[in-house]
């Protein structure tokens, strides 16, 4: 398959979907300025899309939510972009004709790349050869829904520039695929730093209980419901403390909240533990409301 995209080609959003944002690896390292890290929620699926296209690891792509996105390639006759869709499995069509999911596809000028509704999971990733050339903010092209940094959420008619292709070749479909959406979300949890704020019996129940993903979950955090609330051993206010990706904060209702990419940099509720970055947080990004959630102790 031919690898390059013509520099003059751009993407026009014809159907923005429920929530489509531009994401890359985020902007970590600015918490002292009050800036969240942001970035793709399913880091594995995002990385796979760029690998398929021979893009640099940090090339910007689109993250869709539940019902995909529609994009028209605009450029001179004969121009095209090479795209790849990963993450939540979904139907992919080019001007109405079926195309491959999880593999590079050529989209000629004038054609519409239609990324359909997620068949399982929540978020799909749409990358193009050369990446999206939107202006970076603090070194990242990610849209941060909490702080408002980065490019605006695309609407119908938004035009997204395509960056120049790099030297690496487009790869074939033999690249390992990202895992599908989990039937049960199992989150390894390292206890602390405020586990002592909770009743020992309540903490013991945490390890053997089953929660569910709440419909109120978003890019800021995965909220839980249906499990037993965590009871505090001490009352009073906790001064605001720094938050990290994967921190599990417990608000007054006692239901754990797992902070994701757009999490705040500080919080005033106790953090019972932290889920380490990796496959478990990627799976959290693809977990729909109602999926069972279990926390397992890790060191």
Protein backbone atom coordinates (compact mmCIF):
# COMPACT_ATOMS: atom_id res chain seq x y z
CA UNK A 1 0.00 0.00 0.00
CA UNK A 2 1.22 3.49 -0.76
CA UNK A 3 2.22 5.36 2.37
CA UNK A 4 1.99 9.11 1.93
CA UNK A 5 -0.69 11.72 2.22
CA UNK A 6 -0.48 14.73 -0.03
CA UNK A 7 0.37 17.78 2.05
CA UNK A 8 -2.41 19.85 0.46
CA UNK A 9 -5.11 17.44 1.68
CA UNK A 10 -7.14 18.30 4.78
CA UNK A 11 -9.98 16.61 6.65
CA UNK A 12 -13.40 18.24 6.85
CA UNK A 13 -15.68 17.04 9.62
CA UNK A 14 -19.07 16.17 8.12
CA UNK A 15 -20.42 14.32 11.18
CA UNK A 16 -18.79 15.10 14.54
CA UNK A 17 -20.45 12.31 16.54
CA UNK A 18 -21.35 12.42 20.22
CA UNK A 19 -17.89 13.60 21.29
CA UNK A 20 -14.83 13.64 19.05
CA UNK A 21 -11.61 15.25 20.23
CA UNK A 22 -8.05 15.61 18.99
CA UNK A 23 -5.67 13.66 21.22
CA UNK A 24 -2.01 12.71 21.41
CA UNK A 25 0.12 11.52 24.33
CA UNK A 26 -0.94 14.55 26.39
CA UNK A 27 0.98 17.26 28.24
CA UNK A 28 2.32 15.72 31.47
CA UNK A 29 4.68 17.75 33.61
CA UNK A 30 2.58 20.89 34.03
CA UNK A 31 0.60 20.02 37.16
CA UNK A 32 2.53 22.71 39.05
CA UNK A 33 0.89 25.21 36.67
CA UNK A 34 -2.58 23.72 37.21
CA UNK A 35 -2.60 22.01 33.80
CA UNK A 36 -3.92 18.40 33.57
CA UNK A 37 -2.09 15.80 31.49
CA UNK A 38 -4.94 15.00 29.03
CA UNK A 39 -4.14 12.73 26.05
CA UNK A 40 -5.73 9.62 24.56
CA UNK A 41 -7.65 7.58 27.13
CA UNK A 42 -6.91 4.22 25.50
CA UNK A 43 -3.18 4.73 25.06
CA UNK A 44 -2.68 1.28 23.54
CA UNK A 45 -5.26 1.72 20.78
CA UNK A 46 -3.99 5.22 20.02
CA UNK A 47 -0.39 3.98 19.78
CA UNK A 48 -1.45 1.12 17.49
CA UNK A 49 -3.15 3.51 15.05
CA UNK A 50 0.05 5.50 14.69
CA UNK A 51 2.22 2.39 14.34
CA UNK A 52 0.02 1.11 11.52
CA UNK A 53 0.67 4.32 9.60
CA UNK A 54 4.38 4.74 10.32
CA UNK A 55 3.66 7.91 12.32
CA UNK A 56 5.81 9.17 15.20
CA UNK A 57 4.48 7.88 18.54
CA UNK A 58 3.11 11.30 19.50
CA UNK A 59 1.24 12.12 16.29
CA UNK A 60 -2.20 13.63 16.93
CA UNK A 61 -5.29 11.59 16.08
CA UNK A 62 -9.03 11.72 16.70
CA UNK A 63 -10.69 10.01 19.66
CA UNK A 64 -14.38 9.27 19.06
CA UNK A 65 -17.03 8.37 21.63
CA UNK A 66 -19.64 5.64 21.03
CA UNK A 67 -20.97 6.67 17.59
CA UNK A 68 -17.85 7.49 15.57
CA UNK A 69 -17.26 10.35 13.15
CA UNK A 70 -17.53 11.25 9.46
CA UNK A 71 -14.59 12.92 7.66
CA UNK A 72 -14.26 14.16 4.07
CA UNK A 73 -10.84 14.38 2.45
CA UNK A 74 -10.49 17.75 0.74
CA UNK A 75 -7.62 18.27 -1.67
CA UNK A 76 -6.60 18.46 -5.31
CA UNK A 77 -7.56 15.69 -7.73
CA UNK A 78 -5.40 12.63 -7.22
CA UNK A 79 -4.53 13.44 -3.63
CA UNK A 80 -5.41 11.12 -0.76
CA UNK A 81 -4.76 10.36 2.88
CA UNK A 82 -3.95 7.01 4.45
CA UNK A 83 -5.97 6.40 7.60
CA UNK A 84 -6.35 3.71 10.27
CA UNK A 85 -9.15 3.11 12.78
CA UNK A 86 -8.46 1.25 16.03
CA UNK A 87 -9.89 1.05 19.54
CA UNK A 88 -13.54 0.07 19.83
CA UNK A 89 -14.44 -2.24 16.91
CA UNK A 90 -16.77 -0.53 14.45
CA UNK A 91 -17.82 -0.49 10.81
CA UNK A 92 -15.53 1.58 8.57
CA UNK A 93 -16.72 2.81 5.18
CA UNK A 94 -15.20 4.95 2.45
CA UNK A 95 -17.92 6.72 0.47
CA UNK A 96 -20.35 3.98 1.49
CA UNK A 97 -18.10 1.02 0.67
CA UNK A 98 -16.83 -1.26 3.46
CA UNK A 99 -13.18 -0.75 4.45
CA UNK A 100 -10.87 -2.43 6.93
CA UNK A 101 -10.84 -1.72 10.65
CA UNK A 102 -7.43 -1.99 12.31
CA UNK A 103 -5.48 -1.64 9.06
CA UNK A 104 -4.25 1.19 6.81
CA UNK A 105 -6.78 2.32 4.19
CA UNK A 106 -6.44 4.88 1.38
CA UNK A 107 -9.07 7.63 1.30
CA UNK A 108 -8.98 9.68 -1.93
CA UNK A 109 -9.85 13.37 -2.21
CA UNK A 110 -13.61 13.90 -2.18
CA UNK A 111 -14.34 10.63 -0.38
CA UNK A 112 -15.92 10.42 3.07
CA UNK A 113 -14.37 8.19 5.72
CA UNK A 114 -17.25 7.04 7.90
CA UNK A 115 -16.36 5.56 11.29
CA UNK A 116 -19.46 3.85 12.64
CA UNK A 117 -20.94 3.15 16.02
CA UNK A 118 -18.81 1.16 18.45
CA UNK A 119 -19.89 -2.48 18.38
CA UNK A 120 -18.25 -2.98 21.76
CA UNK A 121 -16.30 -0.60 23.93
CA UNK A 122 -16.62 3.17 23.86
CA UNK A 123 -13.76 4.96 22.07
CA UNK A 124 -12.30 4.54 18.60
CA UNK A 125 -9.13 6.20 17.29
CA UNK A 126 -8.84 7.65 13.79
CA UNK A 127 -5.27 8.40 12.74
CA UNK A 128 -3.97 9.66 9.40
CA UNK A 129 -0.53 9.32 7.89
CA UNK A 130 1.38 12.45 8.99
CA UNK A 131 -0.87 13.10 11.99
CA UNK A 132 -3.23 16.00 12.51
CA UNK A 133 -1.40 19.31 12.14
CA UNK A 134 -3.41 21.41 14.58
CA UNK A 135 -1.32 23.93 16.58
CA UNK A 136 0.22 22.50 19.78
CA UNK A 137 -0.39 24.09 23.18
CA UNK A 138 2.29 23.49 25.82
CA UNK A 139 3.82 20.88 23.56
CA UNK A 140 0.65 18.88 22.96
CA UNK A 141 -2.20 18.87 20.44
CA UNK A 142 -4.62 17.22 22.89
CA UNK A 143 -8.03 18.68 23.65
CA UNK A 144 -8.42 19.00 27.42
CA UNK A 145 -12.11 19.14 28.31
CA UNK A 146 -11.43 20.18 31.91
CA UNK A 147 -9.13 23.16 31.33
CA UNK A 148 -10.19 24.05 27.78
CA UNK A 149 -6.63 23.87 26.45
CA UNK A 150 -5.93 22.56 22.97
CA UNK A 151 -8.10 22.53 19.85
CA UNK A 152 -11.84 23.08 20.17
CA UNK A 153 -14.13 20.06 19.96
CA UNK A 154 -14.80 19.64 16.21
CA UNK A 155 -18.23 20.44 14.81
CA UNK A 156 -19.64 19.92 11.33
CA UNK A 157 -17.52 21.99 8.95
CA UNK A 158 -14.36 21.98 11.09
CA UNK A 159 -11.25 21.60 8.92
CA UNK A 160 -8.32 19.62 10.31
CA UNK A 161 -4.93 19.95 8.59
CA UNK A 162 -2.87 16.85 7.89
CA UNK A 163 0.83 16.95 8.72
CA UNK A 164 3.65 15.83 6.42
CA UNK A 165 4.37 12.11 6.28
CA UNK A 166 7.53 10.89 7.98
CA UNK A 167 10.12 8.48 6.62
CA UNK A 168 8.78 5.30 8.24
CA UNK A 169 6.69 3.01 6.01
CA UNK A 170 3.04 2.18 6.44
CA UNK A 171 2.77 -1.19 8.20
CA UNK A 172 0.50 -4.09 7.38
CA UNK A 173 -2.28 -5.71 9.33
CA UNK A 174 0.12 -8.13 11.06
CA UNK A 175 0.59 -5.55 13.82
CA UNK A 176 -0.87 -6.80 17.10
CA UNK A 177 -4.38 -5.53 17.71
CA UNK A 178 -5.52 -3.75 20.85
CA UNK A 179 -7.67 -5.95 23.12
CA UNK A 180 -11.43 -5.61 22.93
CA UNK A 181 -13.74 -4.10 25.51
CA UNK A 182 -13.76 -6.00 28.81
CA UNK A 183 -16.78 -7.97 30.03
CA UNK A 184 -15.50 -7.16 33.52
CA UNK A 185 -13.13 -4.36 34.45
CA UNK A 186 -10.44 -5.53 36.88
CA UNK A 187 -8.39 -2.65 38.28
CA UNK A 188 -5.18 -3.31 40.23
CA UNK A 189 -5.10 -0.86 43.11
CA UNK A 190 -2.10 0.12 45.16
CA UNK A 191 -3.50 1.26 48.53
CA UNK A 192 -2.75 4.77 49.77
CA UNK A 193 -2.00 7.55 50.35
CA UNK A 194 -5.21 8.12 52.39
CA UNK A 195 -6.37 4.54 52.94
CA UNK A 196 -6.19 5.24 56.69
CA UNK A 197 -9.15 7.60 56.29
CA UNK A 198 -11.46 4.60 55.80
CA UNK A 199 -12.81 1.94 58.15
CA UNK A 200 -10.72 -1.29 58.01
CA UNK A 201 -13.87 -3.35 57.48
CA UNK A 202 -14.87 -1.10 54.58
CA UNK A 203 -11.44 -1.47 52.97
CA UNK A 204 -11.65 -5.23 53.37
CA UNK A 205 -15.03 -5.18 51.61
CA UNK A 206 -13.52 -3.19 48.73
CA UNK A 207 -11.40 -6.17 47.65
CA UNK A 208 -14.31 -8.61 47.51
CA UNK A 209 -17.07 -6.33 46.16
CA UNK A 210 -18.32 -5.72 42.64
CA UNK A 211 -19.15 -2.20 41.46
CA UNK A 212 -20.50 -1.04 38.09
CA UNK A 213 -19.36 1.65 35.66
CA UNK A 214 -21.67 4.63 36.11
CA UNK A 215 -23.25 6.48 33.14
CA UNK A 216 -21.78 9.67 34.67
CA UNK A 217 -18.26 8.54 33.65
CA UNK A 218 -16.32 10.73 31.21
CA UNK A 219 -12.77 11.67 30.19
CA UNK A 220 -12.19 13.15 33.65
CA UNK A 221 -12.98 10.01 35.58
CA UNK A 222 -14.65 6.62 35.64
CA UNK A 223 -17.36 6.78 38.26
CA UNK A 224 -18.69 3.69 39.97
CA UNK A 225 -22.08 2.70 41.33
CA UNK A 226 -23.94 -0.25 42.86
CA UNK A 227 -21.13 -1.45 45.14
CA UNK A 228 -20.83 -0.79 48.89
CA UNK A 229 -19.85 2.80 49.77
CA UNK A 230 -16.51 3.18 51.50
CA UNK A 231 -17.10 4.31 55.09
CA UNK A 232 -14.71 6.85 56.57
CA UNK A 233 -12.83 6.21 59.79
CA UNK A 234 -12.32 9.92 60.30
CA UNK A 235 -14.37 12.99 59.53
CA UNK A 236 -13.40 16.52 58.68
CA UNK A 237 -11.98 18.21 55.61
CA UNK A 238 -8.87 17.13 53.75
CA UNK A 239 -6.73 19.96 52.32
CA UNK A 240 -6.38 19.85 48.53
CA UNK A 241 -3.66 17.48 47.39
CA UNK A 242 -2.04 16.71 44.07
CA UNK A 243 -3.77 14.14 41.87
CA UNK A 244 -2.21 11.69 39.42
CA UNK A 245 -3.54 9.57 36.56
CA UNK A 246 -5.27 6.51 38.02
CA UNK A 247 -5.87 8.02 41.47
CA UNK A 248 -9.03 6.56 43.06
CA UNK A 249 -10.74 9.34 44.97
CA UNK A 250 -13.70 8.77 47.24
CA UNK A 251 -16.24 11.64 47.42
CA UNK A 252 -18.80 11.96 50.24
CA UNK A 253 -21.15 9.36 48.71
CA UNK A 254 -18.42 6.74 49.27
CA UNK A 255 -18.35 5.51 45.64
CA UNK A 256 -14.82 5.28 44.15
CA UNK A 257 -13.91 7.51 41.19
CA UNK A 258 -10.95 6.51 39.01
CA UNK A 259 -9.28 9.59 37.56
CA UNK A 260 -8.54 9.41 33.83
CA UNK A 261 -6.63 11.65 31.40
CA UNK A 262 -8.52 14.93 31.95
CA UNK A 263 -8.39 14.63 35.74
CA UNK A 264 -7.92 17.72 37.92
CA UNK A 265 -4.45 18.38 39.29
CA UNK A 266 -5.69 18.71 42.89
CA UNK A 267 -8.54 17.29 44.91
CA UNK A 268 -10.02 17.65 48.38
CA UNK A 269 -11.36 14.13 48.94
CA UNK A 270 -9.22 11.24 50.21
CA UNK A 271 -7.49 8.99 47.68
CA UNK A 272 -7.83 5.36 48.74
CA UNK A 273 -5.29 4.12 46.19
CA UNK A 274 -3.86 4.42 42.68
CA UNK A 275 -4.36 2.27 39.57
CA UNK A 276 -1.01 2.18 37.74
CA UNK A 277 -0.88 3.33 34.10
CA UNK A 278 -1.11 0.51 31.59
CA UNK A 279 -3.61 -2.02 30.24
CA UNK A 280 -6.08 -1.64 33.09
CA UNK A 281 -6.58 2.09 32.48
CA UNK A 282 -6.80 1.42 28.73
CA UNK A 283 -9.58 -1.05 29.49
CA UNK A 284 -11.28 1.56 31.69
CA UNK A 285 -11.43 3.86 28.64
CA UNK A 286 -13.43 1.20 26.77
CA UNK A 287 -15.79 0.18 29.60
CA UNK A 288 -19.42 1.05 29.02
CA UNK A 289 -21.95 1.93 31.74
CA UNK A 290 -23.05 -1.19 33.57
CA UNK A 291 -19.78 -3.12 33.14
CA UNK A 292 -18.82 -4.80 36.44
CA UNK A 293 -15.77 -3.32 38.20
CA UNK A 294 -13.55 -5.10 40.70
CA UNK A 295 -10.53 -3.70 42.54
CA UNK A 296 -7.67 -6.10 43.30
CA UNK A 297 -4.78 -5.31 45.60
CA UNK A 298 -1.39 -4.72 44.01
CA UNK A 299 1.95 -3.65 45.47
